[in-house]
PDB file of N, CA and C in Angstrom:
ATOM      1  N   MET A   1     -17.298 -11.157  25.188  1.00  0.00           N
ATOM      2  CA  MET A   1     -15.889 -10.916  25.845  1.00  0.00           C
ATOM      3  C   MET A   1     -14.968 -10.045  25.554  1.00  0.00           C
ATOM      4  N   GLN A   2     -14.646  -9.696  26.634  1.00  0.00           N
ATOM      5  CA  GLN A   2     -13.606  -8.428  26.348  1.00  0.00           C
ATOM      6  C   GLN A   2     -12.161  -8.794  26.198  1.00  0.00           C
ATOM      7  N   ARG A   3     -11.838  -7.779  25.118  1.00  0.00           N
ATOM      8  CA  ARG A   3     -10.146  -8.218  24.894  1.00  0.00           C
ATOM      9  C   ARG A   3      -9.434  -7.879  26.070  1.00  0.00           C
ATOM     10  N   ARG A   4      -8.165  -8.720  26.246  1.00  0.00           N
ATOM     11  CA  ARG A   4      -7.129  -8.594  27.224  1.00  0.00           C
ATOM     12  C   ARG A   4      -5.994  -7.825  26.877  1.00  0.00           C
ATOM     13  N   TYR A   5      -5.993  -7.310  25.846  1.00  0.00           N
ATOM     14  CA  TYR A   5      -4.751  -6.606  25.204  1.00  0.00           C
ATOM     15  C   TYR A   5      -5.410  -5.522  24.222  1.00  0.00           C
ATOM     16  N   ARG A   6      -4.250  -4.643  24.114  1.00  0.00           N
ATOM     17  CA  ARG A   6      -4.480  -3.515  23.100  1.00  0.00           C
ATOM     18  C   ARG A   6      -3.609  -3.861  21.941  1.00  0.00           C
ATOM     19  N   ASN A   7      -3.822  -2.852  20.968  1.00  0.00           N
ATOM     20  CA  ASN A   7      -2.913  -3.001  19.609  1.00  0.00           C
ATOM     21  C   ASN A   7      -2.717  -1.426  19.298  1.00  0.00           C
ATOM     22  N   ILE A   8      -1.818  -1.357  18.214  1.00  0.00           N
ATOM     23  CA  ILE A   8      -1.491   0.174  18.531  1.00  0.00           C
ATOM     24  C   ILE A   8      -2.630   0.866  17.536  1.00  0.00           C
ATOM     25  N   SER A   9      -3.546   0.422  16.820  1.00  0.00           N
ATOM     26  CA  SER A   9      -4.722   1.374  16.715  1.00  0.00           C
ATOM     27  C   SER A   9      -5.509   1.718  17.959  1.00  0.00           C
ATOM     28  N   ASP A  10      -5.418   1.400  18.993  1.00  0.00           N
ATOM     29  CA  ASP A  10      -5.795   1.703  20.144  1.00  0.00           C
ATOM     30  C   ASP A  10      -5.167   3.026  20.706  1.00  0.00           C
ATOM     31  N   LEU A  11      -3.966   3.074  20.468  1.00  0.00           N
ATOM     32  CA  LEU A  11      -3.241   4.234  20.917  1.00  0.00           C
ATOM     33  C   LEU A  11      -3.803   5.562  20.152  1.00  0.00           C
ATOM     34  N   LYS A  12      -3.909   6.604  20.937  1.00  0.00           N
ATOM     35  CA  LYS A  12      -4.032   7.968  20.797  1.00  0.00           C
ATOM     36  C   LYS A  12      -2.607   8.695  20.424  1.00  0.00           C
ATOM     37  N   THR A  13      -2.597   9.778  19.723  1.00  0.00           N
ATOM     38  CA  THR A  13      -1.389  10.317  19.289  1.00  0.00           C
ATOM     39  C   THR A  13      -0.844  10.638  20.517  1.00  0.00           C
ATOM     40  N   ASN A  14       0.433  10.674  20.556  1.00  0.00           N
ATOM     41  CA  ASN A  14       1.438  10.685  21.721  1.00  0.00           C
ATOM     42  C   ASN A  14       1.168   9.853  22.880  1.00  0.00           C
ATOM     43  N   GLU A  15       0.197   8.898  22.790  1.00  0.00           N
ATOM     44  CA  GLU A  15       0.286   7.793  23.749  1.00  0.00           C
ATOM     45  C   GLU A  15       1.191   6.947  23.458  1.00  0.00           C
ATOM     46  N   SER A  16       1.622   6.242  24.538  1.00  0.00           N
ATOM     47  CA  SER A  16       2.556   5.105  24.389  1.00  0.00           C
ATOM     48  C   SER A  16       2.308   3.863  25.465  1.00  0.00           C
ATOM     49  N   ALA A  17       2.765   2.718  24.838  1.00  0.00           N
ATOM     50  CA  ALA A  17       2.459   1.663  25.666  1.00  0.00           C
ATOM     51  C   ALA A  17       3.721   0.664  25.504  1.00  0.00           C
ATOM     52  N   ARG A  18       3.728  -0.386  26.171  1.00  0.00           N
ATOM     53  CA  ARG A  18       4.866  -1.436  25.765  1.00  0.00           C
ATOM     54  C   ARG A  18       4.438  -2.522  24.990  1.00  0.00           C
ATOM     55  N   ALA A  19       5.147  -3.207  24.082  1.00  0.00           N
ATOM     56  CA  ALA A  19       4.872  -4.420  23.369  1.00  0.00           C
ATOM     57  C   ALA A  19       5.184  -5.359  24.257  1.00  0.00           C
ATOM     58  N   ILE A  20       4.006  -6.487  24.420  1.00  0.00           N
ATOM     59  CA  ILE A  20       4.242  -7.628  24.883  1.00  0.00           C
ATOM     60  C   ILE A  20       4.227  -8.805  24.087  1.00  0.00           C
ATOM     61  N   ALA A  21       3.548  -9.002  22.986  1.00  0.00           N
ATOM     62  CA  ALA A  21       3.687 -10.134  22.021  1.00  0.00           C
ATOM     63  C   ALA A  21       3.223  -9.781  20.750  1.00  0.00           C
ATOM     64  N   PHE A  22       3.686 -10.878  19.820  1.00  0.00           N
ATOM     65  CA  PHE A  22       2.944 -10.694  18.448  1.00  0.00           C
ATOM     66  C   PHE A  22       1.948 -11.890  18.314  1.00  0.00           C
ATOM     67  N   ASP A  23       1.102 -11.576  17.203  1.00  0.00           N
ATOM     68  CA  ASP A  23       0.201 -12.787  16.786  1.00  0.00           C
ATOM     69  C   ASP A  23       0.615 -13.500  15.850  1.00  0.00           C
ATOM     70  N   ASP A  24       1.224 -12.864  14.902  1.00  0.00           N
ATOM     71  CA  ASP A  24       1.675 -13.408  13.460  1.00  0.00           C
ATOM     72  C   ASP A  24       3.169 -13.786  13.542  1.00  0.00           C
ATOM     73  N   SER A  25       3.596 -15.035  13.461  1.00  0.00           N
ATOM     74  CA  SER A  25       4.815 -15.185  13.308  1.00  0.00           C
ATOM     75  C   SER A  25       5.815 -14.967  12.332  1.00  0.00           C
ATOM     76  N   GLU A  26       5.117 -14.889  11.335  1.00  0.00           N
ATOM     77  CA  GLU A  26       5.850 -14.287  10.006  1.00  0.00           C
ATOM     78  C   GLU A  26       6.013 -12.587  10.386  1.00  0.00           C
ATOM     79  N   LEU A  27       5.034 -12.054  10.525  1.00  0.00           N
ATOM     80  CA  LEU A  27       5.100 -10.461  10.755  1.00  0.00           C
ATOM     81  C   LEU A  27       5.952 -10.327  12.107  1.00  0.00           C
ATOM     82  N   ALA A  28       6.236 -11.325  13.099  1.00  0.00           N
ATOM     83  CA  ALA A  28       7.036 -10.893  14.226  1.00  0.00           C
ATOM     84  C   ALA A  28       8.169 -11.158  13.549  1.00  0.00           C
ATOM     85  N   CYS A  29       8.777 -11.921  12.864  1.00  0.00           N
ATOM     86  CA  CYS A  29      10.210 -12.004  12.153  1.00  0.00           C
ATOM     87  C   CYS A  29      10.633 -10.403  11.446  1.00  0.00           C
ATOM     88  N   LYS A  30       9.666  -9.763  10.664  1.00  0.00           N
ATOM     89  CA  LYS A  30       9.755  -8.754  10.064  1.00  0.00           C
ATOM     90  C   LYS A  30       9.819  -7.818  11.100  1.00  0.00           C
ATOM     91  N   LEU A  31       9.073  -7.555  11.972  1.00  0.00           N
ATOM     92  CA  LEU A  31       9.266  -6.841  12.993  1.00  0.00           C
ATOM     93  C   LEU A  31      10.372  -6.819  14.030  1.00  0.00           C
ATOM     94  N   THR A  32      10.651  -8.032  14.354  1.00  0.00           N
ATOM     95  CA  THR A  32      11.947  -7.905  15.432  1.00  0.00           C
ATOM     96  C   THR A  32      13.396  -7.494  14.453  1.00  0.00           C
ATOM     97  N   SER A  33      13.470  -7.802  13.131  1.00  0.00           N
ATOM     98  CA  SER A  33      14.515  -7.148  12.174  1.00  0.00           C
ATOM     99  C   SER A  33      14.441  -5.607  12.174  1.00  0.00           C
ATOM    100  N   MET A  34      13.089  -5.147  12.229  1.00  0.00           N
ATOM    101  CA  MET A  34      12.996  -3.481  12.282  1.00  0.00           C
ATOM    102  C   MET A  34      13.360  -3.200  13.730  1.00  0.00           C
ATOM    103  N   GLY A  35      13.389  -4.204  14.770  1.00  0.00           N
ATOM    104  CA  GLY A  35      13.890  -3.503  15.904  1.00  0.00           C
ATOM    105  C   GLY A  35      12.700  -3.418  17.244  1.00  0.00           C
ATOM    106  N   LEU A  36      11.624  -4.091  16.677  1.00  0.00           N
ATOM    107  CA  LEU A  36      10.401  -3.889  17.224  1.00  0.00           C
ATOM    108  C   LEU A  36      10.481  -5.223  18.335  1.00  0.00           C
ATOM    109  N   LEU A  37      10.962  -5.293  19.540  1.00  0.00           N
ATOM    110  CA  LEU A  37      10.933  -6.662  20.299  1.00  0.00           C
ATOM    111  C   LEU A  37       9.951  -6.501  21.415  1.00  0.00           C
ATOM    112  N   PRO A  38       9.331  -7.369  21.863  1.00  0.00           N
ATOM    113  CA  PRO A  38       8.638  -7.735  23.153  1.00  0.00           C
ATOM    114  C   PRO A  38       9.525  -6.701  24.382  1.00  0.00           C
ATOM    115  N   GLY A  39       8.852  -5.933  24.889  1.00  0.00           N
ATOM    116  CA  GLY A  39       9.463  -4.850  25.900  1.00  0.00           C
ATOM    117  C   GLY A  39       9.680  -3.477  25.242  1.00  0.00           C
ATOM    118  N   THR A  40       9.323  -3.231  24.141  1.00  0.00           N
ATOM    119  CA  THR A  40      10.012  -2.009  23.564  1.00  0.00           C
ATOM    120  C   THR A  40       8.518  -0.956  23.673  1.00  0.00           C
ATOM    121  N   ARG A  41       9.080   0.402  24.047  1.00  0.00           N
ATOM    122  CA  ARG A  41       8.118   1.189  24.363  1.00  0.00           C
ATOM    123  C   ARG A  41       7.612   1.839  22.827  1.00  0.00           C
ATOM    124  N   ILE A  42       6.548   1.677  22.528  1.00  0.00           N
ATOM    125  CA  ILE A  42       5.745   2.290  21.325  1.00  0.00           C
ATOM    126  C   ILE A  42       4.942   3.417  21.585  1.00  0.00           C
ATOM    127  N   GLU A  43       5.418   4.502  20.871  1.00  0.00           N
ATOM    128  CA  GLU A  43       4.519   5.746  20.896  1.00  0.00           C
ATOM    129  C   GLU A  43       4.162   6.021  19.608  1.00  0.00           C
ATOM    130  N   MET A  44       2.625   6.175  19.773  1.00  0.00           N
ATOM    131  CA  MET A  44       1.932   6.948  18.287  1.00  0.00           C
ATOM    132  C   MET A  44       2.485   8.306  17.976  1.00  0.00           C
ATOM    133  N   ILE A  45       2.885   8.549  16.871  1.00  0.00           N
ATOM    134  CA  ILE A  45       3.038   9.605  16.406  1.00  0.00           C
ATOM    135  C   ILE A  45       1.934  10.507  15.644  1.00  0.00           C
ATOM    136  N   ARG A  46       1.676   9.274  14.662  1.00  0.00           N
ATOM    137  CA  ARG A  46       0.214   9.787  13.973  1.00  0.00           C
ATOM    138  C   ARG A  46      -0.396   8.831  13.081  1.00  0.00           C
ATOM    139  N   LYS A  47      -1.724   8.693  12.726  1.00  0.00           N
ATOM    140  CA  LYS A  47      -2.235   7.861  11.837  1.00  0.00           C
ATOM    141  C   LYS A  47      -2.383   8.441  10.556  1.00  0.00           C
ATOM    142  N   SER A  48      -2.437   7.510   9.484  1.00  0.00           N
ATOM    143  CA  SER A  48      -2.605   8.121   8.335  1.00  0.00           C
ATOM    144  C   SER A  48      -4.067   8.301   8.321  1.00  0.00           C
ATOM    145  N   PRO A  49      -4.409   9.558   7.102  1.00  0.00           N
ATOM    146  CA  PRO A  49      -5.700   9.879   7.061  1.00  0.00           C
ATOM    147  C   PRO A  49      -6.898   8.790   6.862  1.00  0.00           C
ATOM    148  N   PHE A  50      -6.431   7.743   6.383  1.00  0.00           N
ATOM    149  CA  PHE A  50      -7.502   6.638   6.085  1.00  0.00           C
ATOM    150  C   PHE A  50      -7.464   5.782   7.103  1.00  0.00           C
ATOM    151  N   GLY A  51      -6.585   5.763   7.967  1.00  0.00           N
ATOM    152  CA  GLY A  51      -6.254   4.742   9.167  1.00  0.00           C
ATOM    153  C   GLY A  51      -5.973   3.335   8.804  1.00  0.00           C
ATOM    154  N   ASN A  52      -5.200   3.288   7.568  1.00  0.00           N
ATOM    155  CA  ASN A  52      -4.651   2.052   7.106  1.00  0.00           C
ATOM    156  C   ASN A  52      -3.127   1.883   7.420  1.00  0.00           C
ATOM    157  N   ALA A  53      -2.367   2.967   8.000  1.00  0.00           N
ATOM    158  CA  ALA A  53      -1.242   2.932   8.337  1.00  0.00           C
ATOM    159  C   ALA A  53      -0.778   3.917   9.664  1.00  0.00           C
ATOM    160  N   TYR A  54       0.131   3.625  10.305  1.00  0.00           N
ATOM    161  CA  TYR A  54       0.703   4.136  11.390  1.00  0.00           C
ATOM    162  C   TYR A  54       2.068   4.458  11.459  1.00  0.00           C
ATOM    163  N   TYR A  55       2.480   5.828  12.147  1.00  0.00           N
ATOM    164  CA  TYR A  55       3.669   6.326  12.117  1.00  0.00           C
ATOM    165  C   TYR A  55       3.939   6.206  13.863  1.00  0.00           C
ATOM    166  N   VAL A  56       4.889   5.296  14.056  1.00  0.00           N
ATOM    167  CA  VAL A  56       5.037   5.434  15.519  1.00  0.00           C
ATOM    168  C   VAL A  56       6.654   5.510  15.789  1.00  0.00           C
ATOM    169  N   LYS A  57       6.845   5.632  17.056  1.00  0.00           N
ATOM    170  CA  LYS A  57       8.519   5.978  17.408  1.00  0.00           C
ATOM    171  C   LYS A  57       8.420   4.819  18.379  1.00  0.00           C
ATOM    172  N   ALA A  58       9.551   3.764  18.350  1.00  0.00           N
ATOM    173  CA  ALA A  58       9.677   2.619  19.094  1.00  0.00           C
ATOM    174  C   ALA A  58      11.207   2.833  19.568  1.00  0.00           C
ATOM    175  N   ASP A  59      11.199   3.114  20.854  1.00  0.00           N
ATOM    176  CA  ASP A  59      12.672   3.223  21.615  1.00  0.00           C
ATOM    177  C   ASP A  59      13.363   4.262  20.709  1.00  0.00           C
ATOM    178  N   GLY A  60      13.023   5.408  20.409  1.00  0.00           N
ATOM    179  CA  GLY A  60      13.572   6.128  19.607  1.00  0.00           C
ATOM    180  C   GLY A  60      13.795   6.395  18.155  1.00  0.00           C
ATOM    181  N   VAL A  61      13.407   4.916  17.595  1.00  0.00           N
ATOM    182  CA  VAL A  61      13.486   4.663  16.151  1.00  0.00           C
ATOM    183  C   VAL A  61      11.856   5.155  15.745  1.00  0.00           C
ATOM    184  N   ARG A  62      11.791   5.930  14.485  1.00  0.00           N
ATOM    185  CA  ARG A  62      10.674   6.190  13.757  1.00  0.00           C
ATOM    186  C   ARG A  62      10.298   4.948  12.900  1.00  0.00           C
ATOM    187  N   LEU A  63       9.044   4.421  12.845  1.00  0.00           N
ATOM    188  CA  LEU A  63       8.736   3.579  11.804  1.00  0.00           C
ATOM    189  C   LEU A  63       7.320   3.758  11.292  1.00  0.00           C
ATOM    190  N   ALA A  64       7.167   3.534   9.919  1.00  0.00           N
ATOM    191  CA  ALA A  64       5.641   3.605   9.439  1.00  0.00           C
ATOM    192  C   ALA A  64       5.415   1.925   9.686  1.00  0.00           C
ATOM    193  N   LEU A  65       4.214   1.548   9.943  1.00  0.00           N
ATOM    194  CA  LEU A  65       3.596   0.126  10.089  1.00  0.00           C
ATOM    195  C   LEU A  65       2.191   0.195   9.130  1.00  0.00           C
ATOM    196  N   ARG A  66       1.993  -0.876   8.630  1.00  0.00           N
ATOM    197  CA  ARG A  66       0.882  -0.987   7.782  1.00  0.00           C
ATOM    198  C   ARG A  66      -0.412  -1.636   8.884  1.00  0.00           C
ATOM    199  N   GLN A  67      -1.355  -1.566   8.618  1.00  0.00           N
ATOM    200  CA  GLN A  67      -2.653  -1.931   9.421  1.00  0.00           C
ATOM    201  C   GLN A  67      -2.488  -3.086  10.185  1.00  0.00           C
ATOM    202  N   GLU A  68      -2.085  -4.237   9.207  1.00  0.00           N
ATOM    203  CA  GLU A  68      -1.872  -5.512   9.540  1.00  0.00           C
ATOM    204  C   GLU A  68      -0.677  -5.926  10.345  1.00  0.00           C
ATOM    205  N   GLU A  69       0.554  -5.204  10.048  1.00  0.00           N
ATOM    206  CA  GLU A  69       1.482  -5.492  11.115  1.00  0.00           C
ATOM    207  C   GLU A  69       1.205  -4.632  12.305  1.00  0.00           C
ATOM    208  N   ALA A  70       0.480  -3.463  12.502  1.00  0.00           N
ATOM    209  CA  ALA A  70       0.033  -3.030  13.805  1.00  0.00           C
ATOM    210  C   ALA A  70      -0.745  -3.639  14.507  1.00  0.00           C
ATOM    211  N   ALA A  71      -1.784  -4.590  13.796  1.00  0.00           N
ATOM    212  CA  ALA A  71      -2.736  -5.462  14.395  1.00  0.00           C
ATOM    213  C   ALA A  71      -2.233  -6.177  15.164  1.00  0.00           C
ATOM    214  N   SER A  72      -0.995  -6.975  14.329  1.00  0.00           N
ATOM    215  CA  SER A  72      -0.522  -8.270  15.195  1.00  0.00           C
ATOM    216  C   SER A  72       0.664  -8.221  16.279  1.00  0.00           C
ATOM    217  N   ILE A  73       0.577  -6.694  16.808  1.00  0.00           N
ATOM    218  CA  ILE A  73       1.430  -6.480  18.025  1.00  0.00           C
ATOM    219  C   ILE A  73       0.329  -5.990  19.200  1.00  0.00           C
ATOM    220  N   PHE A  74       0.496  -6.960  20.407  1.00  0.00           N
ATOM    221  CA  PHE A  74       0.062  -6.851  21.586  1.00  0.00           C
ATOM    222  C   PHE A  74       0.662  -5.956  22.289  1.00  0.00           C
ATOM    223  N   LEU A  75      -0.326  -5.099  22.687  1.00  0.00           N
ATOM    224  CA  LEU A  75       0.382  -3.952  23.873  1.00  0.00           C
ATOM    225  C   LEU A  75      -0.090  -4.360  25.289  1.00  0.00           C
ATOM    226  N   GLU A  76       0.540  -3.756  26.206  1.00  0.00           N
ATOM    227  CA  GLU A  76       0.244  -3.779  27.810  1.00  0.00           C
ATOM    228  C   GLU A  76      -1.247  -3.121  27.966  1.00  0.00           C
ATOM    229  N   MET A  77      -1.867  -3.374  28.877  1.00  0.00           N
ATOM    230  CA  MET A  77      -3.213  -2.540  29.050  1.00  0.00           C
ATOM    231  C   MET A  77      -3.128  -1.578  29.785  1.00  0.00           C
TER     232      MET A  77
END
């Protein structure tokens, strides 16, 4: 079965996509308080060397996200 969504780990450097939903309700509260809302354009700035964190730009605001936080954000295809 093929996924019908992407998440931040699927983005390449300088690639962007729009957030459409969150998987985890607890992390959703944290992410929305950081300004990451459904509809927000997220751009990959860079990945950490070991791939367990991501540095992204969300509507002009730069954020560092842990792997579990990034995996809970569904992006448009």
